[in-house]
Amino acid sequence: MFPNDTVVHENVSPETVKDGALELRQDLLGRDYKGKGSKGIAKKTSALVKKLQSALGRFLEPGEQVLYIARVQRHASGTIQYTMGWYIYYASAAVIVLTNRRLLHLRVKNNNQWDKGVRTCSWSEIESAEVKGWPSRALKLRFRNGTRYQYWRIARADALNIKKILPLLSKAYEGTPHKSNSLVSLCPDCKHELAPGISQCPGCGLSFKTKKTMYWLSLVPSAAYVYTRNWFLALADLIGQSYAYVLLVIALFTFISLALGGKQPSGKPVSIDDGIRILVVGLIVFALDVIITIHHNNYFIEDFIPTDKKAKPAESIKTFATGGTIG
């Protein structure tokens, strides 16, 4: 365990303050990595705590102390980052909370409002944790079950503070029992562990967006992104996929005109080559759009997006019996 009176900065005594039900290590949240008081860091961490106070109060356990809190970007593959462009900074926004017991990950909107997504893991589950990179800094985690996860785009001041705290946490939990888990998603309503791929919480019946529904919606311009509440991408998809459908319709009418012996405005017969070219381009644009749409929305849905609907108790139990697990 990580003792509550652990000294992190030399010549700086541990200082725990109460903020409602929260216990905050102010000697860490308000100082830089050298232990010097920093108004900038204190202001930033205080704003995050205030913005996320209700979520933190819900998920932190009695006696659990907040050591540090920082805005980051959650793990995203290179393909996701490349195809999503600048929007990835909105789509992957998260806040990580280092406590004396675990790492807490809260999915947030661009204004740092909690977006009802939460993951967590005990420090005993982490084999190694290190901050690397320059100028873009990342927190790289390796879990005892062999999986990896990375948080990126970490501000310099936050990266240095996190780098200072991590070795002490690793040492405190060295050799402690573990379950061989990585980051576990929790139900935003009842805090029950969520197994990957389930559509309902086995604890309270809260429903989540599903890939099956998203796959069908990916065939309709912008529908899949509306389903996952990504409005800018929905607009872009509306333009892209609509263009593909326009090309396919033009190709269809070209073939119909060819079958009926139609002619071009110039008087020449309609060419089958024109129809084939338009058809091929339309199919390529359509296929690329659908593939990218599915890839993007898999990323969103795998992070458990609640629908705010709850199944009846009997339905929830049935879902659990056919595949849900309690972690």
C-alpha atoms as a PDB file:
ATOM      1  CA  MET A   1       0.000   0.000   0.000  1.00  0.00           C
ATOM      2  CA  PHE A   2       0.970   3.627  -0.513  1.00  0.00           C
ATOM      3  CA  PRO A   3       1.067   5.240   2.961  1.00  0.00           C
ATOM      4  CA  ASN A   4      -0.914   8.456   3.310  1.00  0.00           C
ATOM      5  CA  ASP A   5       2.105  10.235   4.762  1.00  0.00           C
ATOM      6  CA  THR A   6       4.513   9.277   1.959  1.00  0.00           C
ATOM      7  CA  VAL A   7       6.954  12.099   1.247  1.00  0.00           C
ATOM      8  CA  VAL A   8       7.300  12.777  -2.496  1.00  0.00           C
ATOM      9  CA  HIS A   9       9.168  16.095  -2.525  1.00  0.00           C
ATOM     10  CA  GLU A  10      12.155  16.522  -0.229  1.00  0.00           C
ATOM     11  CA  ASN A  11      11.612  19.130   2.488  1.00  0.00           C
ATOM     12  CA  VAL A  12       7.879  19.270   1.684  1.00  0.00           C
ATOM     13  CA  SER A  13       5.607  17.632   4.237  1.00  0.00           C
ATOM     14  CA  PRO A  14       2.561  15.689   3.017  1.00  0.00           C
ATOM     15  CA  GLU A  15      -0.520  17.909   3.069  1.00  0.00           C
ATOM     16  CA  THR A  16      -3.960  16.362   2.719  1.00  0.00           C
ATOM     17  CA  VAL A  17      -6.977  18.648   2.389  1.00  0.00           C
ATOM     18  CA  LYS A  18     -10.664  17.789   2.325  1.00  0.00           C
ATOM     19  CA  ASP A  19     -12.890  19.015  -0.495  1.00  0.00           C
ATOM     20  CA  GLY A  20     -16.298  17.631   0.339  1.00  0.00           C
ATOM     21  CA  ALA A  21     -15.877  13.858   0.309  1.00  0.00           C
ATOM     22  CA  LEU A  22     -12.585  14.084  -1.583  1.00  0.00           C
ATOM     23  CA  GLU A  23      -9.139  13.764  -0.021  1.00  0.00           C
ATOM     24  CA  LEU A  24      -6.550  15.746  -1.997  1.00  0.00           C
ATOM     25  CA  ARG A  25      -2.763  15.655  -1.639  1.00  0.00           C
ATOM     26  CA  GLN A  26      -2.229  19.393  -1.964  1.00  0.00           C
ATOM     27  CA  ASP A  27       1.552  19.060  -1.641  1.00  0.00           C
ATOM     28  CA  LEU A  28       1.457  17.300  -5.045  1.00  0.00           C
ATOM     29  CA  LEU A  29      -1.480  18.974  -6.781  1.00  0.00           C
ATOM     30  CA  GLY A  30      -0.143  22.482  -6.200  1.00  0.00           C
ATOM     31  CA  ARG A  31       3.593  22.058  -6.835  1.00  0.00           C
ATOM     32  CA  ASP A  32       5.974  21.368  -9.686  1.00  0.00           C
ATOM     33  CA  TYR A  33       8.222  18.307  -9.908  1.00  0.00           C
ATOM     34  CA  LYS A  34      10.906  20.041  -7.834  1.00  0.00           C
ATOM     35  CA  GLY A  35       8.478  20.623  -4.983  1.00  0.00           C
ATOM     36  CA  LYS A  36       8.169  24.360  -5.566  1.00  0.00           C
ATOM     37  CA  GLY A  37       4.734  25.956  -5.269  1.00  0.00           C
ATOM     38  CA  SER A  38       3.203  26.626  -8.687  1.00  0.00           C
ATOM     39  CA  LYS A  39       0.143  28.805  -9.169  1.00  0.00           C
ATOM     40  CA  GLY A  40      -0.261  27.499 -12.723  1.00  0.00           C
ATOM     41  CA  ILE A  41      -0.319  23.822 -11.711  1.00  0.00           C
ATOM     42  CA  ALA A  42      -2.501  24.524  -8.675  1.00  0.00           C
ATOM     43  CA  LYS A  43      -5.006  26.448 -10.795  1.00  0.00           C
ATOM     44  CA  LYS A  44      -5.154  23.744 -13.474  1.00  0.00           C
ATOM     45  CA  THR A  45      -5.508  20.788 -11.104  1.00  0.00           C
ATOM     46  CA  SER A  46      -8.027  22.655  -8.950  1.00  0.00           C
ATOM     47  CA  ALA A  47     -10.163  23.406 -12.031  1.00  0.00           C
ATOM     48  CA  LEU A  48     -10.155  19.729 -13.042  1.00  0.00           C
ATOM     49  CA  VAL A  49     -11.106  18.585  -9.539  1.00  0.00           C
ATOM     50  CA  LYS A  50     -13.943  21.114  -9.427  1.00  0.00           C
ATOM     51  CA  LYS A  51     -15.223  20.141 -12.886  1.00  0.00           C
ATOM     52  CA  LEU A  52     -15.122  16.416 -12.101  1.00  0.00           C
ATOM     53  CA  GLN A  53     -16.062  16.552  -8.433  1.00  0.00           C
ATOM     54  CA  SER A  54     -19.338  14.657  -8.824  1.00  0.00           C
ATOM     55  CA  ALA A  55     -17.686  11.866 -10.828  1.00  0.00           C
ATOM     56  CA  LEU A  56     -14.745  11.634  -8.428  1.00  0.00           C
ATOM     57  CA  GLY A  57     -17.115  11.543  -5.461  1.00  0.00           C
ATOM     58  CA  ARG A  58     -18.965   8.673  -7.089  1.00  0.00           C
ATOM     59  CA  PHE A  59     -15.977   6.475  -7.914  1.00  0.00           C
ATOM     60  CA  LEU A  60     -13.381   7.173  -5.233  1.00  0.00           C
ATOM     61  CA  GLU A  61     -13.514   4.921  -2.192  1.00  0.00           C
ATOM     62  CA  PRO A  62     -13.383   6.052   1.455  1.00  0.00           C
ATOM     63  CA  GLY A  63      -9.806   6.876   2.393  1.00  0.00           C
ATOM     64  CA  GLU A  64      -8.661   7.035  -1.229  1.00  0.00           C
ATOM     65  CA  GLN A  65      -6.498  10.084  -1.853  1.00  0.00           C
ATOM     66  CA  VAL A  66      -6.068  12.014  -5.100  1.00  0.00           C
ATOM     67  CA  LEU A  67      -2.328  12.367  -5.674  1.00  0.00           C
ATOM     68  CA  TYR A  68      -2.469  13.987  -9.094  1.00  0.00           C
ATOM     69  CA  ILE A  69      -4.913  14.746 -11.915  1.00  0.00           C
ATOM     70  CA  ALA A  70      -4.189  15.605 -15.554  1.00  0.00           C
ATOM     71  CA  ARG A  71      -5.912  16.083 -18.899  1.00  0.00           C
ATOM     72  CA  VAL A  72      -4.594  13.626 -21.529  1.00  0.00           C
ATOM     73  CA  GLN A  73      -5.584  11.819 -24.723  1.00  0.00           C
ATOM     74  CA  ARG A  74      -6.554   8.173 -24.388  1.00  0.00           C
ATOM     75  CA  HIS A  75      -4.974   5.457 -26.490  1.00  0.00           C
ATOM     76  CA  ALA A  76      -5.720   5.596 -30.224  1.00  0.00           C
ATOM     77  CA  SER A  77      -4.071   3.690 -33.056  1.00  0.00           C
ATOM     78  CA  GLY A  78      -2.087   5.486 -35.720  1.00  0.00           C
ATOM     79  CA  THR A  79      -4.829   4.719 -38.259  1.00  0.00           C
ATOM     80  CA  ILE A  80      -7.456   6.316 -36.017  1.00  0.00           C
ATOM     81  CA  GLN A  81      -5.321   9.407 -35.485  1.00  0.00           C
ATOM     82  CA  TYR A  82      -4.475   9.775 -39.175  1.00  0.00           C
ATOM     83  CA  THR A  83      -7.995   9.306 -40.565  1.00  0.00           C
ATOM     84  CA  MET A  84      -9.701  11.379 -37.867  1.00  0.00           C
ATOM     85  CA  GLY A  85      -7.309  14.302 -38.163  1.00  0.00           C
ATOM     86  CA  TRP A  86      -7.584  17.159 -35.670  1.00  0.00           C
ATOM     87  CA  TYR A  87     -10.896  15.790 -34.367  1.00  0.00           C
ATOM     88  CA  ILE A  88      -8.966  13.079 -32.501  1.00  0.00           C
ATOM     89  CA  TYR A  89      -8.164  15.687 -29.831  1.00  0.00           C
ATOM     90  CA  TYR A  90     -11.885  15.894 -29.052  1.00  0.00           C
ATOM     91  CA  ALA A  91     -12.678  12.214 -29.602  1.00  0.00           C
ATOM     92  CA  SER A  92      -9.953  10.851 -27.305  1.00  0.00           C
ATOM     93  CA  ALA A  93     -10.103  13.419 -24.494  1.00  0.00           C
ATOM     94  CA  ALA A  94      -9.676  11.944 -21.015  1.00  0.00           C
ATOM     95  CA  VAL A  95      -8.577  12.874 -17.518  1.00  0.00           C
ATOM     96  CA  ILE A  96      -6.404  10.493 -15.512  1.00  0.00           C
ATOM     97  CA  VAL A  97      -6.425  10.520 -11.729  1.00  0.00           C
ATOM     98  CA  LEU A  98      -3.514   9.015  -9.811  1.00  0.00           C
ATOM     99  CA  THR A  99      -4.680   7.945  -6.378  1.00  0.00           C
ATOM    100  CA  ASN A 100      -2.893   6.107  -3.591  1.00  0.00           C
ATOM    101  CA  ARG A 101      -4.673   2.909  -4.669  1.00  0.00           C
ATOM    102  CA  ARG A 102      -5.195   2.937  -8.418  1.00  0.00           C
ATOM    103  CA  LEU A 103      -5.287   4.736 -11.741  1.00  0.00           C
ATOM    104  CA  LEU A 104      -8.693   6.199 -12.594  1.00  0.00           C
ATOM    105  CA  HIS A 105      -9.517   7.183 -16.189  1.00  0.00           C
ATOM    106  CA  LEU A 106     -12.496   9.466 -16.889  1.00  0.00           C
ATOM    107  CA  ARG A 107     -13.666  10.091 -20.450  1.00  0.00           C
ATOM    108  CA  VAL A 108     -14.426  13.799 -20.857  1.00  0.00           C
ATOM    109  CA  LYS A 109     -15.797  16.273 -23.372  1.00  0.00           C
ATOM    110  CA  ASN A 110     -13.686  19.122 -24.699  1.00  0.00           C
ATOM    111  CA  ASN A 111     -14.734  21.320 -21.753  1.00  0.00           C
ATOM    112  CA  ASN A 112     -13.559  18.600 -19.315  1.00  0.00           C
ATOM    113  CA  GLN A 113     -17.124  17.656 -18.407  1.00  0.00           C
ATOM    114  CA  TRP A 114     -17.394  13.953 -17.561  1.00  0.00           C
ATOM    115  CA  ASP A 115     -18.812  11.978 -20.508  1.00  0.00           C
ATOM    116  CA  LYS A 116     -20.001   8.938 -18.520  1.00  0.00           C
ATOM    117  CA  GLY A 117     -17.047   6.775 -19.433  1.00  0.00           C
ATOM    118  CA  VAL A 118     -14.750   5.373 -16.747  1.00  0.00           C
ATOM    119  CA  ARG A 119     -11.916   2.849 -16.554  1.00  0.00           C
ATOM    120  CA  THR A 120      -9.718   1.861 -13.652  1.00  0.00           C
ATOM    121  CA  CYS A 121      -6.981  -0.472 -12.524  1.00  0.00           C
ATOM    122  CA  SER A 122      -5.122  -1.093  -9.291  1.00  0.00           C
ATOM    123  CA  TRP A 123      -1.442  -0.207  -9.226  1.00  0.00           C
ATOM    124  CA  SER A 124      -0.755  -3.869  -8.451  1.00  0.00           C
ATOM    125  CA  GLU A 125      -1.933  -4.749 -12.008  1.00  0.00           C
ATOM    126  CA  ILE A 126       0.715  -2.545 -13.633  1.00  0.00           C
ATOM    127  CA  GLU A 127       4.088  -4.131 -14.324  1.00  0.00           C
ATOM    128  CA  SER A 128       5.697  -0.919 -15.506  1.00  0.00           C
ATOM    129  CA  ALA A 129       4.661   2.693 -15.989  1.00  0.00           C
ATOM    130  CA  GLU A 130       6.907   5.332 -17.504  1.00  0.00           C
ATOM    131  CA  VAL A 131       6.631   8.758 -19.057  1.00  0.00           C
ATOM    132  CA  LYS A 132       8.500   9.060 -22.346  1.00  0.00           C
ATOM    133  CA  GLY A 133       8.776  11.272 -25.389  1.00  0.00           C
ATOM    134  CA  TRP A 134       9.663  14.792 -26.427  1.00  0.00           C
ATOM    135  CA  PRO A 135       8.086  17.170 -27.355  1.00  0.00           C
ATOM    136  CA  SER A 136       4.973  14.975 -27.269  1.00  0.00           C
ATOM    137  CA  ARG A 137       4.973  13.142 -23.930  1.00  0.00           C
ATOM    138  CA  ALA A 138       3.197   9.857 -23.282  1.00  0.00           C
ATOM    139  CA  LEU A 139       2.472   7.680 -20.265  1.00  0.00           C
ATOM    140  CA  LYS A 140       3.175   4.098 -21.317  1.00  0.00           C
ATOM    141  CA  LEU A 141       1.653   1.311 -19.232  1.00  0.00           C
ATOM    142  CA  ARG A 142       2.501  -2.374 -19.369  1.00  0.00           C
ATOM    143  CA  PHE A 143       0.189  -4.662 -17.401  1.00  0.00           C
ATOM    144  CA  ARG A 144       1.054  -7.958 -15.767  1.00  0.00           C
ATOM    145  CA  ASN A 145      -1.126  -9.822 -18.282  1.00  0.00           C
ATOM    146  CA  GLY A 146       1.125  -8.560 -21.101  1.00  0.00           C
ATOM    147  CA  THR A 147      -1.196  -5.916 -22.553  1.00  0.00           C
ATOM    148  CA  ARG A 148      -0.171  -2.307 -23.070  1.00  0.00           C
ATOM    149  CA  TYR A 149      -1.914   1.048 -23.007  1.00  0.00           C
ATOM    150  CA  GLN A 150      -0.750   4.581 -23.669  1.00  0.00           C
ATOM    151  CA  TYR A 151      -1.900   8.078 -22.774  1.00  0.00           C
ATOM    152  CA  TRP A 152      -0.451  10.800 -24.962  1.00  0.00           C
ATOM    153  CA  ARG A 153      -0.281  14.569 -25.401  1.00  0.00           C
ATOM    154  CA  ILE A 154       0.530  15.122 -21.740  1.00  0.00           C
ATOM    155  CA  ALA A 155       1.533  18.663 -20.764  1.00  0.00           C
ATOM    156  CA  ARG A 156       5.188  19.028 -19.709  1.00  0.00           C
ATOM    157  CA  ALA A 157       4.430  20.076 -16.124  1.00  0.00           C
ATOM    158  CA  ASP A 158       1.988  17.176 -15.695  1.00  0.00           C
ATOM    159  CA  ALA A 159       4.410  14.695 -17.244  1.00  0.00           C
ATOM    160  CA  LEU A 160       7.204  15.700 -14.879  1.00  0.00           C
ATOM    161  CA  ASN A 161       4.970  15.453 -11.816  1.00  0.00           C
ATOM    162  CA  ILE A 162       3.575  12.083 -12.871  1.00  0.00           C
ATOM    163  CA  LYS A 163       7.113  10.844 -13.551  1.00  0.00           C
ATOM    164  CA  LYS A 164       8.061  11.834  -9.998  1.00  0.00           C
ATOM    165  CA  ILE A 165       5.124   9.986  -8.397  1.00  0.00           C
ATOM    166  CA  LEU A 166       5.098   6.760 -10.440  1.00  0.00           C
ATOM    167  CA  PRO A 167       8.256   5.112  -8.975  1.00  0.00           C
ATOM    168  CA  LEU A 168       6.902   5.512  -5.433  1.00  0.00           C
ATOM    169  CA  LEU A 169       3.593   3.910  -6.407  1.00  0.00           C
ATOM    170  CA  SER A 170       5.354   1.046  -8.194  1.00  0.00           C
ATOM    171  CA  LYS A 171       7.547   0.394  -5.167  1.00  0.00           C
ATOM    172  CA  ALA A 172       4.590   0.538  -2.760  1.00  0.00           C
ATOM    173  CA  TYR A 173       2.676  -2.137  -4.713  1.00  0.00           C
ATOM    174  CA  GLU A 174       5.605  -4.316  -5.654  1.00  0.00           C
ATOM    175  CA  GLY A 175       4.814  -7.977  -4.943  1.00  0.00           C
ATOM    176  CA  THR A 176       1.169  -7.375  -3.968  1.00  0.00           C
ATOM    177  CA  PRO A 177      -1.533  -9.807  -5.220  1.00  0.00           C
ATOM    178  CA  HIS A 178      -3.088  -9.032  -8.580  1.00  0.00           C
ATOM    179  CA  LYS A 179      -5.844 -10.373 -10.875  1.00  0.00           C
ATOM    180  CA  SER A 180      -3.940 -10.052 -14.190  1.00  0.00           C
ATOM    181  CA  ASN A 181      -6.362  -7.398 -15.417  1.00  0.00           C
ATOM    182  CA  SER A 182      -5.614  -4.321 -17.457  1.00  0.00           C
ATOM    183  CA  LEU A 183      -7.820  -1.223 -17.475  1.00  0.00           C
ATOM    184  CA  VAL A 184     -11.368  -2.306 -16.583  1.00  0.00           C
ATOM    185  CA  SER A 185     -14.425  -0.338 -17.685  1.00  0.00           C
ATOM    186  CA  LEU A 186     -17.045   0.421 -15.043  1.00  0.00           C
ATOM    187  CA  CYS A 187     -20.758   1.125 -15.321  1.00  0.00           C
ATOM    188  CA  PRO A 188     -21.261   4.882 -14.856  1.00  0.00           C
ATOM    189  CA  ASP A 189     -24.414   4.227 -12.814  1.00  0.00           C
ATOM    190  CA  CYS A 190     -23.639   1.324 -10.475  1.00  0.00           C
ATOM    191  CA  LYS A 191     -19.810   0.976 -10.820  1.00  0.00           C
ATOM    192  CA  HIS A 192     -20.128  -2.691 -11.857  1.00  0.00           C
ATOM    193  CA  GLU A 193     -17.248  -4.068 -13.953  1.00  0.00           C
ATOM    194  CA  LEU A 194     -18.132  -4.336 -17.653  1.00  0.00           C
ATOM    195  CA  ALA A 195     -16.861  -7.195 -19.793  1.00  0.00           C
ATOM    196  CA  PRO A 196     -15.806  -6.180 -23.338  1.00  0.00           C
ATOM    197  CA  GLY A 197     -18.611  -6.362 -25.888  1.00  0.00           C
ATOM    198  CA  ILE A 198     -21.619  -6.531 -23.566  1.00  0.00           C
ATOM    199  CA  SER A 199     -24.643  -4.377 -24.393  1.00  0.00           C
ATOM    200  CA  GLN A 200     -26.090  -4.127 -20.874  1.00  0.00           C
ATOM    201  CA  CYS A 201     -24.644  -3.729 -17.410  1.00  0.00           C
ATOM    202  CA  PRO A 202     -25.181  -6.991 -15.490  1.00  0.00           C
ATOM    203  CA  GLY A 203     -25.498  -4.974 -12.297  1.00  0.00           C
ATOM    204  CA  CYS A 204     -28.179  -2.381 -13.067  1.00  0.00           C
ATOM    205  CA  GLY A 205     -29.296  -3.137 -16.627  1.00  0.00           C
ATOM    206  CA  LEU A 206     -27.997   0.115 -18.150  1.00  0.00           C
ATOM    207  CA  SER A 207     -27.784  -0.289 -21.943  1.00  0.00           C
ATOM    208  CA  PHE A 208     -24.822   0.688 -24.102  1.00  0.00           C
ATOM    209  CA  LYS A 209     -24.417   1.420 -27.800  1.00  0.00           C
ATOM    210  CA  THR A 210     -23.689  -1.724 -29.822  1.00  0.00           C
ATOM    211  CA  LYS A 211     -21.492  -2.496 -32.802  1.00  0.00           C
ATOM    212  CA  LYS A 212     -24.240  -4.511 -34.504  1.00  0.00           C
ATOM    213  CA  THR A 213     -26.529  -1.493 -34.721  1.00  0.00           C
ATOM    214  CA  MET A 214     -23.634   0.726 -35.775  1.00  0.00           C
ATOM    215  CA  TYR A 215     -22.688  -1.620 -38.650  1.00  0.00           C
ATOM    216  CA  TRP A 216     -26.142  -1.234 -40.231  1.00  0.00           C
ATOM    217  CA  LEU A 217     -26.159   2.514 -39.657  1.00  0.00           C
ATOM    218  CA  SER A 218     -22.778   2.844 -41.378  1.00  0.00           C
ATOM    219  CA  LEU A 219     -24.602   2.257 -44.682  1.00  0.00           C
ATOM    220  CA  VAL A 220     -26.635   5.451 -44.170  1.00  0.00           C
ATOM    221  CA  PRO A 221     -24.839   8.787 -44.565  1.00  0.00           C
ATOM    222  CA  SER A 222     -23.859  10.239 -41.130  1.00  0.00           C
ATOM    223  CA  ALA A 223     -26.160   7.828 -39.213  1.00  0.00           C
ATOM    224  CA  ALA A 224     -23.391   5.855 -37.449  1.00  0.00           C
ATOM    225  CA  TYR A 225     -21.706   9.030 -36.180  1.00  0.00           C
ATOM    226  CA  VAL A 226     -25.037  10.432 -34.999  1.00  0.00           C
ATOM    227  CA  TYR A 227     -25.510   7.141 -33.122  1.00  0.00           C
ATOM    228  CA  THR A 228     -22.192   7.649 -31.302  1.00  0.00           C
ATOM    229  CA  ARG A 229     -22.817  11.409 -30.884  1.00  0.00           C
ATOM    230  CA  ASN A 230     -19.940  12.705 -32.987  1.00  0.00           C
ATOM    231  CA  TRP A 231     -21.608  15.538 -34.835  1.00  0.00           C
ATOM    232  CA  PHE A 232     -18.677  16.957 -36.796  1.00  0.00           C
ATOM    233  CA  LEU A 233     -17.760  13.534 -38.168  1.00  0.00           C
ATOM    234  CA  ALA A 234     -21.444  12.982 -38.958  1.00  0.00           C
ATOM    235  CA  LEU A 235     -21.385  16.081 -41.179  1.00  0.00           C
ATOM    236  CA  ALA A 236     -18.213  14.957 -42.935  1.00  0.00           C
ATOM    237  CA  ASP A 237     -19.673  11.486 -43.488  1.00  0.00           C
ATOM    238  CA  LEU A 238     -22.903  12.966 -44.830  1.00  0.00           C
ATOM    239  CA  ILE A 239     -20.900  14.706 -47.549  1.00  0.00           C
ATOM    240  CA  GLY A 240     -18.579  11.782 -48.310  1.00  0.00           C
ATOM    241  CA  GLN A 241     -21.094   8.947 -48.418  1.00  0.00           C
ATOM    242  CA  SER A 242     -23.723  11.040 -50.207  1.00  0.00           C
ATOM    243  CA  TYR A 243     -21.170  11.708 -52.943  1.00  0.00           C
ATOM    244  CA  ALA A 244     -20.622   7.951 -53.270  1.00  0.00           C
ATOM    245  CA  TYR A 245     -24.360   7.345 -53.581  1.00  0.00           C
ATOM    246  CA  VAL A 246     -24.644  10.101 -56.211  1.00  0.00           C
ATOM    247  CA  LEU A 247     -21.943   8.386 -58.271  1.00  0.00           C
ATOM    248  CA  LEU A 248     -23.698   5.023 -57.954  1.00  0.00           C
ATOM    249  CA  VAL A 249     -27.012   6.537 -59.042  1.00  0.00           C
ATOM    250  CA  ILE A 250     -25.341   8.194 -62.042  1.00  0.00           C
ATOM    251  CA  ALA A 251     -23.779   4.841 -62.983  1.00  0.00           C
ATOM    252  CA  LEU A 252     -27.177   3.148 -62.656  1.00  0.00           C
ATOM    253  CA  PHE A 253     -28.857   5.685 -64.947  1.00  0.00           C
ATOM    254  CA  THR A 254     -25.972   5.373 -67.398  1.00  0.00           C
ATOM    255  CA  PHE A 255     -26.562   1.624 -67.695  1.00  0.00           C
ATOM    256  CA  ILE A 256     -30.316   2.133 -68.002  1.00  0.00           C
ATOM    257  CA  SER A 257     -29.748   4.710 -70.736  1.00  0.00           C
ATOM    258  CA  LEU A 258     -27.372   2.320 -72.487  1.00  0.00           C
ATOM    259  CA  ALA A 259     -29.975  -0.452 -72.393  1.00  0.00           C
ATOM    260  CA  LEU A 260     -32.594   1.896 -73.870  1.00  0.00           C
ATOM    261  CA  GLY A 261     -30.276   3.114 -76.625  1.00  0.00           C
ATOM    262  CA  GLY A 262     -29.885   6.581 -75.182  1.00  0.00           C
ATOM    263  CA  LYS A 263     -27.431   9.143 -76.469  1.00  0.00           C
ATOM    264  CA  GLN A 264     -25.184  11.811 -74.971  1.00  0.00           C
ATOM    265  CA  PRO A 265     -26.040  15.527 -75.498  1.00  0.00           C
ATOM    266  CA  SER A 266     -23.483  15.537 -78.311  1.00  0.00           C
ATOM    267  CA  GLY A 267     -25.478  12.878 -80.119  1.00  0.00           C
ATOM    268  CA  LYS A 268     -22.982  10.074 -79.546  1.00  0.00           C
ATOM    269  CA  PRO A 269     -24.256   6.762 -78.097  1.00  0.00           C
ATOM    270  CA  VAL A 270     -23.825   6.280 -74.372  1.00  0.00           C
ATOM    271  CA  SER A 271     -20.573   4.413 -73.688  1.00  0.00           C
ATOM    272  CA  ILE A 272     -20.526   1.435 -71.350  1.00  0.00           C
ATOM    273  CA  ASP A 273     -16.977   2.455 -70.370  1.00  0.00           C
ATOM    274  CA  ASP A 274     -18.340   5.699 -68.884  1.00  0.00           C
ATOM    275  CA  GLY A 275     -20.804   3.756 -66.764  1.00  0.00           C
ATOM    276  CA  ILE A 276     -18.149   1.318 -65.567  1.00  0.00           C
ATOM    277  CA  ARG A 277     -15.722   4.100 -64.625  1.00  0.00           C
ATOM    278  CA  ILE A 278     -18.366   5.953 -62.625  1.00  0.00           C
ATOM    279  CA  LEU A 279     -19.484   2.704 -60.969  1.00  0.00           C
ATOM    280  CA  VAL A 280     -15.935   1.749 -59.955  1.00  0.00           C
ATOM    281  CA  VAL A 281     -15.194   5.199 -58.509  1.00  0.00           C
ATOM    282  CA  GLY A 282     -18.533   5.188 -56.660  1.00  0.00           C
ATOM    283  CA  LEU A 283     -17.883   1.747 -55.162  1.00  0.00           C
ATOM    284  CA  ILE A 284     -14.355   2.712 -54.078  1.00  0.00           C
ATOM    285  CA  VAL A 285     -15.561   5.915 -52.390  1.00  0.00           C
ATOM    286  CA  PHE A 286     -18.439   4.033 -50.743  1.00  0.00           C
ATOM    287  CA  ALA A 287     -16.233   1.176 -49.505  1.00  0.00           C
ATOM    288  CA  LEU A 288     -13.579   3.508 -48.084  1.00  0.00           C
ATOM    289  CA  ASP A 289     -16.225   5.616 -46.367  1.00  0.00           C
ATOM    290  CA  VAL A 290     -17.892   2.593 -44.750  1.00  0.00           C
ATOM    291  CA  ILE A 291     -14.573   1.054 -43.654  1.00  0.00           C
ATOM    292  CA  ILE A 292     -13.399   4.315 -42.047  1.00  0.00           C
ATOM    293  CA  THR A 293     -16.812   4.896 -40.466  1.00  0.00           C
ATOM    294  CA  ILE A 294     -16.838   1.436 -38.888  1.00  0.00           C
ATOM    295  CA  HIS A 295     -13.233   1.780 -37.711  1.00  0.00           C
ATOM    296  CA  HIS A 296     -13.921   5.136 -36.057  1.00  0.00           C
ATOM    297  CA  ASN A 297     -17.136   4.069 -34.404  1.00  0.00           C
ATOM    298  CA  ASN A 298     -15.683   0.790 -33.121  1.00  0.00           C
ATOM    299  CA  TYR A 299     -13.223   2.995 -31.230  1.00  0.00           C
ATOM    300  CA  PHE A 300     -16.076   4.967 -29.672  1.00  0.00           C
ATOM    301  CA  ILE A 301     -18.331   2.006 -28.867  1.00  0.00           C
ATOM    302  CA  GLU A 302     -15.554  -0.061 -27.285  1.00  0.00           C
ATOM    303  CA  ASP A 303     -15.339   2.680 -24.637  1.00  0.00           C
ATOM    304  CA  PHE A 304     -18.982   1.993 -23.588  1.00  0.00           C
ATOM    305  CA  ILE A 305     -21.387   4.776 -24.561  1.00  0.00           C
ATOM    306  CA  PRO A 306     -24.517   4.579 -22.362  1.00  0.00           C
ATOM    307  CA  THR A 307     -27.946   4.945 -23.958  1.00  0.00           C
ATOM    308  CA  ASP A 308     -29.590   6.168 -20.714  1.00  0.00           C
ATOM    309  CA  LYS A 309     -32.043   3.273 -21.018  1.00  0.00           C
ATOM    310  CA  LYS A 310     -32.227   0.414 -18.549  1.00  0.00           C
ATOM    311  CA  ALA A 311     -33.436  -3.108 -19.156  1.00  0.00           C
ATOM    312  CA  LYS A 312     -35.920  -4.742 -16.843  1.00  0.00           C
ATOM    313  CA  PRO A 313     -34.249  -6.826 -14.106  1.00  0.00           C
ATOM    314  CA  ALA A 314     -35.143 -10.122 -15.783  1.00  0.00           C
ATOM    315  CA  GLU A 315     -33.645  -8.978 -19.100  1.00  0.00           C
ATOM    316  CA  SER A 316     -30.463  -7.815 -17.390  1.00  0.00           C
ATOM    317  CA  ILE A 317     -30.030 -11.160 -15.626  1.00  0.00           C
ATOM    318  CA  LYS A 318     -30.603 -12.997 -18.894  1.00  0.00           C
ATOM    319  CA  THR A 319     -27.903 -10.944 -20.635  1.00  0.00           C
ATOM    320  CA  PHE A 320     -25.460 -11.643 -17.816  1.00  0.00           C
ATOM    321  CA  ALA A 321     -26.155 -15.375 -17.956  1.00  0.00           C
ATOM    322  CA  THR A 322     -25.397 -15.490 -21.691  1.00  0.00           C
ATOM    323  CA  GLY A 323     -22.082 -13.663 -21.624  1.00  0.00           C
ATOM    324  CA  GLY A 324     -21.660 -10.990 -18.987  1.00  0.00           C
ATOM    325  CA  THR A 325     -19.092 -11.404 -16.286  1.00  0.00           C
ATOM    326  CA  ILE A 326     -18.340  -9.761 -13.006  1.00  0.00           C
ATOM    327  CA  GLY A 327     -14.667  -8.824 -12.965  1.00  0.00           C
END
